[in-house]
Amino acid sequence: MIYLFLANGFEEIEALATVDVLRRAGLELVTVGVGGKRITGAHKIEVTADREEKDVSLNGLDMVILPGGPGTPNLEGSKVVCETVRYCADHKKYIAAICAAPSVLGHMGLLKEHAACCFPGYETELNAKTVSMDPVCVSGKIITARGAGVAVEFALAIVGELLGSEKSKSLRKSMQCI
């Protein structure tokens, strides 16, 4: 199971494109609302999460995903989000973050041995071994991306890591991402 956390101020494209692509790939993805089920994105799009953070269980968790946007501090301020990220790190599960959200991983000290990328201006928050200028960066079990414009690439990279490059290529072709 994969959790994708939504906090007020999340970047809609980063979250929803990722949810769409991963569900198209057949992955079990659950959206989790920080502070409730109804969450409002950065551009005033309201989304109903599958569950609230109080209902998070780490049993069977394979990955956590953090979309960025101006709501990133709301993610970092959630004890449940941080505990879930730490659980994934400690149990060698996948962690993915896009835009400003890789800064959460940096503040937790999780990028010290990894390459990572982020939205321009957050590089010093990464505390990464290497700051990548690539649109999407995969380093071990950590996947990061620069922002909304690469959200589909980010999601396809996740699919490639979890289900293999052939599945990612097939999905890319069926979605007309040429």
Protein backbone atom coordinates (compact mmCIF):
# COMPACT_ATOMS: atom_id res chain seq x y z
CA MET A 1 0.00 0.00 0.00
CA ILE A 2 1.08 3.57 -0.76
CA TYR A 3 0.07 6.66 1.21
CA LEU A 4 -0.03 10.04 -0.48
CA PHE A 5 -0.53 12.79 2.09
CA LEU A 6 -2.62 15.85 1.31
CA ALA A 7 -2.32 18.98 3.46
CA ASN A 8 -4.04 22.31 2.93
CA GLY A 9 -2.11 24.23 0.29
CA PHE A 10 -0.89 21.12 -1.60
CA GLU A 11 -0.01 21.54 -5.27
CA GLU A 12 -2.95 19.95 -7.07
CA ILE A 13 -1.15 18.80 -10.21
CA GLU A 14 1.63 17.12 -8.22
CA ALA A 15 -0.83 15.22 -6.06
CA LEU A 16 -3.60 14.36 -8.47
CA ALA A 17 -1.44 13.48 -11.47
CA THR A 18 0.52 11.12 -9.23
CA VAL A 19 -2.65 9.53 -7.84
CA ASP A 20 -4.04 9.10 -11.36
CA VAL A 21 -0.90 7.54 -12.86
CA LEU A 22 -0.27 5.17 -9.95
CA ARG A 23 -3.88 3.99 -9.91
CA ARG A 24 -3.78 3.49 -13.71
CA ALA A 25 -0.77 1.27 -13.07
CA GLY A 26 -2.85 -0.82 -10.68
CA LEU A 27 -1.03 0.23 -7.53
CA GLU A 28 -2.93 0.45 -4.24
CA LEU A 29 -2.71 4.13 -3.35
CA VAL A 30 -4.59 5.75 -0.47
CA THR A 31 -4.82 9.52 -0.10
CA VAL A 32 -4.57 10.74 3.48
CA GLY A 33 -5.86 14.14 4.60
CA VAL A 34 -3.82 16.03 7.17
CA GLY A 35 -6.29 17.54 9.62
CA GLY A 36 -9.41 16.02 8.04
CA LYS A 37 -10.73 14.40 4.88
CA ARG A 38 -11.58 17.63 3.01
CA ILE A 39 -8.38 19.35 1.93
CA THR A 40 -8.02 22.51 -0.16
CA GLY A 41 -5.15 22.79 -2.61
CA ALA A 42 -3.01 25.80 -3.44
CA HIS A 43 -5.38 26.83 -6.23
CA LYS A 44 -8.56 26.44 -4.17
CA ILE A 45 -9.47 23.00 -5.51
CA GLU A 46 -11.07 21.00 -2.71
CA VAL A 47 -10.34 17.28 -2.58
CA THR A 48 -11.79 14.59 -0.36
CA ALA A 49 -9.06 12.26 0.88
CA ASP A 50 -9.67 8.53 1.22
CA ARG A 51 -8.91 8.70 4.93
CA GLU A 52 -7.75 11.02 7.69
CA GLU A 53 -4.30 10.90 9.23
CA LYS A 54 -5.77 9.52 12.47
CA ASP A 55 -6.67 6.37 10.48
CA VAL A 56 -3.15 5.70 9.21
CA SER A 57 -1.76 2.22 9.82
CA LEU A 58 1.82 1.31 9.00
CA ASN A 59 0.94 -2.38 8.48
CA GLY A 60 1.47 -3.27 4.85
CA LEU A 61 2.88 0.14 3.94
CA ASP A 62 5.29 0.07 0.98
CA MET A 63 5.73 3.76 0.20
CA VAL A 64 4.89 7.31 1.19
CA ILE A 65 4.49 10.23 -1.23
CA LEU A 66 4.58 13.93 -0.35
CA PRO A 67 3.32 16.47 -2.90
CA GLY A 68 4.69 19.97 -2.49
CA GLY A 69 3.30 23.44 -2.85
CA PRO A 70 2.76 26.17 -0.26
CA GLY A 71 1.19 23.56 2.04
CA THR A 72 4.51 21.79 2.56
CA PRO A 73 4.92 23.23 6.10
CA ASN A 74 1.53 21.69 6.92
CA LEU A 75 2.92 18.27 5.94
CA GLU A 76 6.06 18.78 7.99
CA GLY A 77 3.98 19.94 10.97
CA SER A 78 2.05 16.66 11.05
CA LYS A 79 3.37 14.12 13.55
CA VAL A 80 1.70 11.33 11.54
CA VAL A 81 3.37 12.40 8.28
CA CYS A 82 6.80 12.53 9.92
CA GLU A 83 6.29 9.19 11.70
CA THR A 84 5.21 7.58 8.42
CA VAL A 85 8.21 8.97 6.54
CA ARG A 86 10.53 7.82 9.35
CA TYR A 87 8.94 4.35 9.30
CA CYS A 88 9.58 4.08 5.56
CA ALA A 89 13.19 5.21 5.97
CA ASP A 90 13.83 2.82 8.88
CA HIS A 91 12.27 -0.13 7.05
CA LYS A 92 13.87 0.56 3.67
CA LYS A 93 10.56 1.40 1.99
CA TYR A 94 10.19 3.90 -0.84
CA ILE A 95 9.81 7.62 -0.12
CA ALA A 96 8.86 10.11 -2.83
CA ALA A 97 8.56 13.90 -2.63
CA ILE A 98 8.12 16.62 -5.23
CA CYS A 99 8.57 20.41 -5.42
CA ALA A 100 9.11 21.87 -1.93
CA ALA A 101 8.33 18.57 -0.17
CA PRO A 102 11.87 17.13 -0.50
CA SER A 103 12.77 19.79 2.09
CA VAL A 104 10.81 17.73 4.65
CA LEU A 105 13.15 14.81 3.95
CA GLY A 106 16.14 17.12 4.18
CA HIS A 107 15.06 18.50 7.54
CA MET A 108 14.69 14.92 8.80
CA GLY A 109 18.27 14.13 7.71
CA LEU A 110 17.14 11.49 5.20
CA LEU A 111 19.03 12.85 2.18
CA LYS A 112 22.56 12.94 3.63
CA GLU A 113 23.58 9.92 1.57
CA HIS A 114 21.38 10.63 -1.45
CA ALA A 115 21.07 12.77 -4.54
CA ALA A 116 17.86 14.76 -4.64
CA CYS A 117 16.15 17.55 -6.55
CA CYS A 118 13.50 20.08 -5.62
CA PHE A 119 11.75 23.28 -6.64
CA PRO A 120 14.36 26.01 -7.28
CA GLY A 121 15.16 27.87 -4.08
CA TYR A 122 14.84 24.87 -1.75
CA GLU A 123 18.24 23.35 -2.52
CA THR A 124 19.79 24.42 0.80
CA GLU A 125 16.90 22.74 2.65
CA LEU A 126 17.76 19.32 1.20
CA ASN A 127 20.97 18.70 3.12
CA ALA A 128 21.61 16.14 0.38
CA LYS A 129 24.83 14.44 -0.61
CA THR A 130 24.22 15.79 -4.12
CA VAL A 131 21.69 18.30 -5.41
CA SER A 132 20.52 17.17 -8.83
CA MET A 133 19.29 19.52 -11.54
CA ASP A 134 17.42 16.65 -13.22
CA PRO A 135 13.62 16.97 -13.38
CA VAL A 136 13.26 13.68 -11.48
CA CYS A 137 15.93 12.04 -9.34
CA VAL A 138 15.98 8.44 -8.12
CA SER A 139 18.57 7.70 -5.43
CA GLY A 140 18.19 4.36 -3.74
CA LYS A 141 14.64 4.21 -2.41
CA ILE A 142 14.15 7.98 -2.51
CA ILE A 143 12.47 9.62 -5.50
CA THR A 144 12.35 13.41 -5.79
CA ALA A 145 11.19 15.82 -8.46
CA ARG A 146 11.35 19.54 -9.21
CA GLY A 147 7.70 20.57 -9.50
CA ALA A 148 4.26 20.52 -11.11
CA GLY A 149 5.56 20.48 -14.68
CA VAL A 150 7.19 17.09 -14.15
CA ALA A 151 4.43 15.49 -12.08
CA VAL A 152 3.65 12.82 -14.69
CA GLU A 153 7.37 12.02 -15.08
CA PHE A 154 7.61 11.76 -11.29
CA ALA A 155 4.70 9.33 -11.20
CA LEU A 156 6.09 7.28 -14.08
CA ALA A 157 9.44 7.05 -12.26
CA ILE A 158 7.58 5.69 -9.22
CA VAL A 159 5.82 3.13 -11.43
CA GLY A 160 9.17 2.17 -12.94
CA GLU A 161 10.70 1.61 -9.51
CA LEU A 162 7.77 -0.38 -8.14
CA LEU A 163 6.61 -2.32 -11.20
CA GLY A 164 9.54 -2.18 -13.62
CA SER A 165 10.53 -0.14 -16.63
CA GLU A 166 8.32 -2.08 -19.06
CA LYS A 167 5.18 -1.18 -17.09
CA SER A 168 6.28 2.45 -16.96
CA LYS A 169 6.97 2.49 -20.72
CA SER A 170 3.63 0.85 -21.49
CA LEU A 171 1.77 3.34 -19.32
CA ARG A 172 3.71 6.24 -20.85
CA LYS A 173 2.67 5.07 -24.34
CA SER A 174 -0.99 4.55 -23.41
CA MET A 175 -1.14 8.06 -21.88
CA GLN A 176 0.47 9.57 -24.99
CA CYS A 177 3.52 10.84 -23.05
CA ILE A 178 5.83 10.70 -26.03
